[in-house]
Structures are given as structure tokens and as C-alpha cells.
Amino acid sequence: MILVDSSVWIDYFTGKNTPAAARLDSLLGEELVAIGDLMLTEVLQGFRSDSEYRQARELLLSLTVLNVLDTAIALKSAANFRALKRKGITVRKTIDAIIATFSIENGLALLHSDKDFQPFHEHLGLKSALERNPE
């Protein structure tokens, strides 16, 4: 299963040609793709048109929707945030720390186009789904 971040869904829905959006397009219908509840909120709140919102909602709800945040992930996210801070790395968005930590703890590759996840790859073992075989 591959978890897809809102950064990729936004590019995908707006037609932005990025490596991550192209990878998502190749995954749909071929592999198990998931979205987290937090990302679902981020993506859907951005639609201006009701019809586009309804179409996106239908597509996204056809995927596996994972509940990302619970007490264990909250505590581990704070620990990961602090571990990176000790290395001199500032995580800009709490939600990114939560998504990265959830992915790491559940052994999921994360497909994203957000450089803020890079420290999680480099220092905490976050797997990338941009490559063909993320395992």
C-alpha cells in the first residue's frame, strides 16, 4: 500500500505535470493507494467548484482512507520532531511530522512532492514511493 500526500493530489487534480503526479497516475488502478484523513481534508477543502469537489470526493473515498492520528502517533511525531530539531533541522509543519511518522510506523511508502519530508527520508527511514519499487 502506498500513502499519497495532499501535495501530490493537489498537483494531480490541477493537472500539474510533476514526477509524483505522473507516478500517482500510473499507480491508480494498479496498486493499492491510500489517503489519510488529514490529507483528505487538505485536498477537498481546496476545491472551488461544487462539481469538482463532488468528483474528487467520490474518487478519494473509493481509495483506502486511513485514520492517521492517534495518541501513539502523536507522541511518536513529537519525538521525531524533537529528534530532527536536535540535528538542527526545523520541521515547518506539524502535519508533515504526523504524516511522515504515521508512514514510518506503519511501513508505508509515501508519495509526495514536498521537500519538507526530506529529513524524514534522510534521518528517520521514511520510504519513498516515487521509485518503482519503494521496498
C-alpha atoms as a PDB file:
ATOM      1  CA  MET A   1       0.000   0.000   0.000  1.00  0.00           C
ATOM      2  CA  ILE A   2       1.220   3.479  -0.888  1.00  0.00           C
ATOM      3  CA  LEU A   3       0.134   6.536   1.054  1.00  0.00           C
ATOM      4  CA  VAL A   4      -0.291   9.631  -1.117  1.00  0.00           C
ATOM      5  CA  ASP A   5       0.215  13.079   0.373  1.00  0.00           C
ATOM      6  CA  SER A   6      -2.026  16.039  -0.395  1.00  0.00           C
ATOM      7  CA  SER A   7       0.860  17.726  -2.252  1.00  0.00           C
ATOM      8  CA  VAL A   8       0.567  15.063  -4.959  1.00  0.00           C
ATOM      9  CA  TRP A   9      -3.234  15.018  -5.053  1.00  0.00           C
ATOM     10  CA  ILE A  10      -3.310  18.787  -5.492  1.00  0.00           C
ATOM     11  CA  ASP A  11      -0.865  18.574  -8.405  1.00  0.00           C
ATOM     12  CA  TYR A  12      -2.855  15.664  -9.856  1.00  0.00           C
ATOM     13  CA  PHE A  13      -6.224  17.450  -9.683  1.00  0.00           C
ATOM     14  CA  THR A  14      -4.831  20.729 -11.031  1.00  0.00           C
ATOM     15  CA  GLY A  15      -3.097  18.969 -13.935  1.00  0.00           C
ATOM     16  CA  LYS A  16       0.392  19.976 -12.841  1.00  0.00           C
ATOM     17  CA  ASN A  17       2.950  17.753 -14.570  1.00  0.00           C
ATOM     18  CA  THR A  18       5.265  16.563 -11.793  1.00  0.00           C
ATOM     19  CA  PRO A  19       7.091  13.257 -11.330  1.00  0.00           C
ATOM     20  CA  ALA A  20       4.936  12.487  -8.288  1.00  0.00           C
ATOM     21  CA  ALA A  21       1.655  13.240 -10.109  1.00  0.00           C
ATOM     22  CA  ALA A  22       2.767  11.039 -13.026  1.00  0.00           C
ATOM     23  CA  ARG A  23       3.655   8.280 -10.562  1.00  0.00           C
ATOM     24  CA  LEU A  24       0.221   8.580  -8.944  1.00  0.00           C
ATOM     25  CA  ASP A  25      -1.438   8.334 -12.340  1.00  0.00           C
ATOM     26  CA  SER A  26       0.497   5.124 -13.036  1.00  0.00           C
ATOM     27  CA  LEU A  27      -0.431   3.667  -9.629  1.00  0.00           C
ATOM     28  CA  LEU A  28      -4.182   4.243  -9.794  1.00  0.00           C
ATOM     29  CA  GLY A  29      -5.903   1.005 -10.702  1.00  0.00           C
ATOM     30  CA  GLU A  30      -2.616  -0.917 -10.498  1.00  0.00           C
ATOM     31  CA  GLU A  31      -1.638  -0.784  -6.819  1.00  0.00           C
ATOM     32  CA  LEU A  32      -3.336  -0.217  -3.500  1.00  0.00           C
ATOM     33  CA  VAL A  33      -3.316   3.552  -2.995  1.00  0.00           C
ATOM     34  CA  ALA A  34      -4.351   5.147   0.278  1.00  0.00           C
ATOM     35  CA  ILE A  35      -5.050   8.629   1.514  1.00  0.00           C
ATOM     36  CA  GLY A  36      -5.025   9.719   5.122  1.00  0.00           C
ATOM     37  CA  ASP A  37      -7.931  11.500   6.735  1.00  0.00           C
ATOM     38  CA  LEU A  38      -5.771  14.599   7.278  1.00  0.00           C
ATOM     39  CA  MET A  39      -4.788  14.693   3.601  1.00  0.00           C
ATOM     40  CA  LEU A  40      -8.402  14.098   2.570  1.00  0.00           C
ATOM     41  CA  THR A  41      -9.338  17.274   4.433  1.00  0.00           C
ATOM     42  CA  GLU A  42      -6.449  19.263   2.928  1.00  0.00           C
ATOM     43  CA  VAL A  43      -7.313  18.242  -0.633  1.00  0.00           C
ATOM     44  CA  LEU A  44     -11.087  18.585  -0.515  1.00  0.00           C
ATOM     45  CA  GLN A  45     -11.121  21.965   1.205  1.00  0.00           C
ATOM     46  CA  GLY A  46      -9.303  23.487  -1.768  1.00  0.00           C
ATOM     47  CA  PHE A  47     -11.939  22.907  -4.441  1.00  0.00           C
ATOM     48  CA  ARG A  48     -13.844  25.995  -5.550  1.00  0.00           C
ATOM     49  CA  SER A  49     -16.440  24.297  -7.733  1.00  0.00           C
ATOM     50  CA  ASP A  50     -19.074  22.065  -6.170  1.00  0.00           C
ATOM     51  CA  SER A  51     -18.980  19.658  -9.115  1.00  0.00           C
ATOM     52  CA  GLU A  52     -15.179  19.283  -8.953  1.00  0.00           C
ATOM     53  CA  TYR A  53     -15.440  18.809  -5.181  1.00  0.00           C
ATOM     54  CA  ARG A  54     -18.030  16.035  -5.622  1.00  0.00           C
ATOM     55  CA  GLN A  55     -15.954  14.264  -8.303  1.00  0.00           C
ATOM     56  CA  ALA A  56     -12.782  14.446  -6.230  1.00  0.00           C
ATOM     57  CA  ARG A  57     -14.639  13.322  -3.103  1.00  0.00           C
ATOM     58  CA  GLU A  58     -16.012  10.299  -4.955  1.00  0.00           C
ATOM     59  CA  LEU A  59     -12.581   9.345  -6.285  1.00  0.00           C
ATOM     60  CA  LEU A  60     -10.808   9.817  -2.963  1.00  0.00           C
ATOM     61  CA  LEU A  61     -13.428   7.886  -0.995  1.00  0.00           C
ATOM     62  CA  SER A  62     -13.034   4.962  -3.407  1.00  0.00           C
ATOM     63  CA  LEU A  63      -9.493   4.581  -2.027  1.00  0.00           C
ATOM     64  CA  THR A  64      -8.452   3.219   1.331  1.00  0.00           C
ATOM     65  CA  VAL A  65      -8.814   6.084   3.811  1.00  0.00           C
ATOM     66  CA  LEU A  66      -6.548   5.734   6.827  1.00  0.00           C
ATOM     67  CA  ASN A  67      -7.029   7.403  10.203  1.00  0.00           C
ATOM     68  CA  VAL A  68      -3.612   8.946  10.651  1.00  0.00           C
ATOM     69  CA  LEU A  69      -3.560  10.463  14.129  1.00  0.00           C
ATOM     70  CA  ASP A  70      -3.993   8.721  17.456  1.00  0.00           C
ATOM     71  CA  THR A  71      -2.200   9.090  20.775  1.00  0.00           C
ATOM     72  CA  ALA A  72       0.684   6.780  19.845  1.00  0.00           C
ATOM     73  CA  ILE A  73       1.342   8.613  16.562  1.00  0.00           C
ATOM     74  CA  ALA A  74       1.011  11.985  18.305  1.00  0.00           C
ATOM     75  CA  LEU A  75       3.674  11.006  20.831  1.00  0.00           C
ATOM     76  CA  LYS A  76       5.991   9.479  18.227  1.00  0.00           C
ATOM     77  CA  SER A  77       5.535  12.529  15.945  1.00  0.00           C
ATOM     78  CA  ALA A  78       6.609  14.820  18.773  1.00  0.00           C
ATOM     79  CA  ALA A  79       9.636  12.587  19.433  1.00  0.00           C
ATOM     80  CA  ASN A  80      10.566  12.624  15.727  1.00  0.00           C
ATOM     81  CA  PHE A  81      10.132  16.398  15.573  1.00  0.00           C
ATOM     82  CA  ARG A  82      12.436  16.771  18.575  1.00  0.00           C
ATOM     83  CA  ALA A  83      14.989  14.304  17.162  1.00  0.00           C
ATOM     84  CA  LEU A  84      15.239  16.323  13.962  1.00  0.00           C
ATOM     85  CA  LYS A  85      15.412  19.576  15.925  1.00  0.00           C
ATOM     86  CA  ARG A  86      18.417  18.187  17.846  1.00  0.00           C
ATOM     87  CA  LYS A  87      20.085  17.657  14.460  1.00  0.00           C
ATOM     88  CA  GLY A  88      19.459  21.310  13.616  1.00  0.00           C
ATOM     89  CA  ILE A  89      16.522  20.559  11.307  1.00  0.00           C
ATOM     90  CA  THR A  90      13.316  22.513  11.774  1.00  0.00           C
ATOM     91  CA  VAL A  91      10.150  20.770  10.632  1.00  0.00           C
ATOM     92  CA  ARG A  92       7.979  23.585   9.305  1.00  0.00           C
ATOM     93  CA  LYS A  93       4.580  21.894   9.528  1.00  0.00           C
ATOM     94  CA  THR A  94       3.303  19.686  12.325  1.00  0.00           C
ATOM     95  CA  ILE A  95       1.020  17.862   9.892  1.00  0.00           C
ATOM     96  CA  ASP A  96       4.074  16.764   7.864  1.00  0.00           C
ATOM     97  CA  ALA A  97       5.663  15.322  11.002  1.00  0.00           C
ATOM     98  CA  ILE A  98       2.442  13.412  11.700  1.00  0.00           C
ATOM     99  CA  ILE A  99       2.120  12.069   8.133  1.00  0.00           C
ATOM    100  CA  ALA A 100       5.786  11.061   7.946  1.00  0.00           C
ATOM    101  CA  THR A 101       5.670   9.401  11.356  1.00  0.00           C
ATOM    102  CA  PHE A 102       2.474   7.511  10.503  1.00  0.00           C
ATOM    103  CA  SER A 103       4.099   6.254   7.292  1.00  0.00           C
ATOM    104  CA  ILE A 104       7.294   5.203   9.082  1.00  0.00           C
ATOM    105  CA  GLU A 105       5.460   3.459  11.932  1.00  0.00           C
ATOM    106  CA  ASN A 106       3.188   1.564   9.532  1.00  0.00           C
ATOM    107  CA  GLY A 107       5.883   0.663   6.994  1.00  0.00           C
ATOM    108  CA  LEU A 108       4.174   2.615   4.227  1.00  0.00           C
ATOM    109  CA  ALA A 109       5.958   4.271   1.341  1.00  0.00           C
ATOM    110  CA  LEU A 110       4.880   7.901   0.994  1.00  0.00           C
ATOM    111  CA  LEU A 111       4.326   9.540  -2.367  1.00  0.00           C
ATOM    112  CA  HIS A 112       4.779  13.290  -2.002  1.00  0.00           C
ATOM    113  CA  SER A 113       6.165  16.337  -3.750  1.00  0.00           C
ATOM    114  CA  ASP A 114       7.017  18.269  -0.610  1.00  0.00           C
ATOM    115  CA  LYS A 115      10.652  18.897   0.324  1.00  0.00           C
ATOM    116  CA  ASP A 116       9.645  19.121   3.979  1.00  0.00           C
ATOM    117  CA  PHE A 117       9.571  15.311   4.078  1.00  0.00           C
ATOM    118  CA  GLN A 118      13.241  15.032   3.045  1.00  0.00           C
ATOM    119  CA  PRO A 119      14.657  14.983   6.610  1.00  0.00           C
ATOM    120  CA  PHE A 120      12.342  12.102   7.431  1.00  0.00           C
ATOM    121  CA  HIS A 121      13.804  10.158   4.495  1.00  0.00           C
ATOM    122  CA  GLU A 122      17.393  11.032   5.367  1.00  0.00           C
ATOM    123  CA  HIS A 123      17.298  10.598   9.136  1.00  0.00           C
ATOM    124  CA  LEU A 124      14.246   8.550  10.161  1.00  0.00           C
ATOM    125  CA  GLY A 125      13.791   5.924   7.459  1.00  0.00           C
ATOM    126  CA  LEU A 126      10.729   7.234   5.621  1.00  0.00           C
ATOM    127  CA  LYS A 127      10.286   5.191   2.416  1.00  0.00           C
ATOM    128  CA  SER A 128       9.664   6.989  -0.871  1.00  0.00           C
ATOM    129  CA  ALA A 129       7.012   5.806  -3.304  1.00  0.00           C
ATOM    130  CA  LEU A 130       8.404   7.884  -6.156  1.00  0.00           C
ATOM    131  CA  GLU A 131      10.586   4.986  -7.260  1.00  0.00           C
ATOM    132  CA  ARG A 132       9.018   1.976  -8.942  1.00  0.00           C
ATOM    133  CA  ASN A 133       9.904  -0.416  -6.099  1.00  0.00           C
ATOM    134  CA  PRO A 134       9.773   1.510  -2.828  1.00  0.00           C
ATOM    135  CA  GLU A 135      10.565  -1.521  -0.646  1.00  0.00           C
END
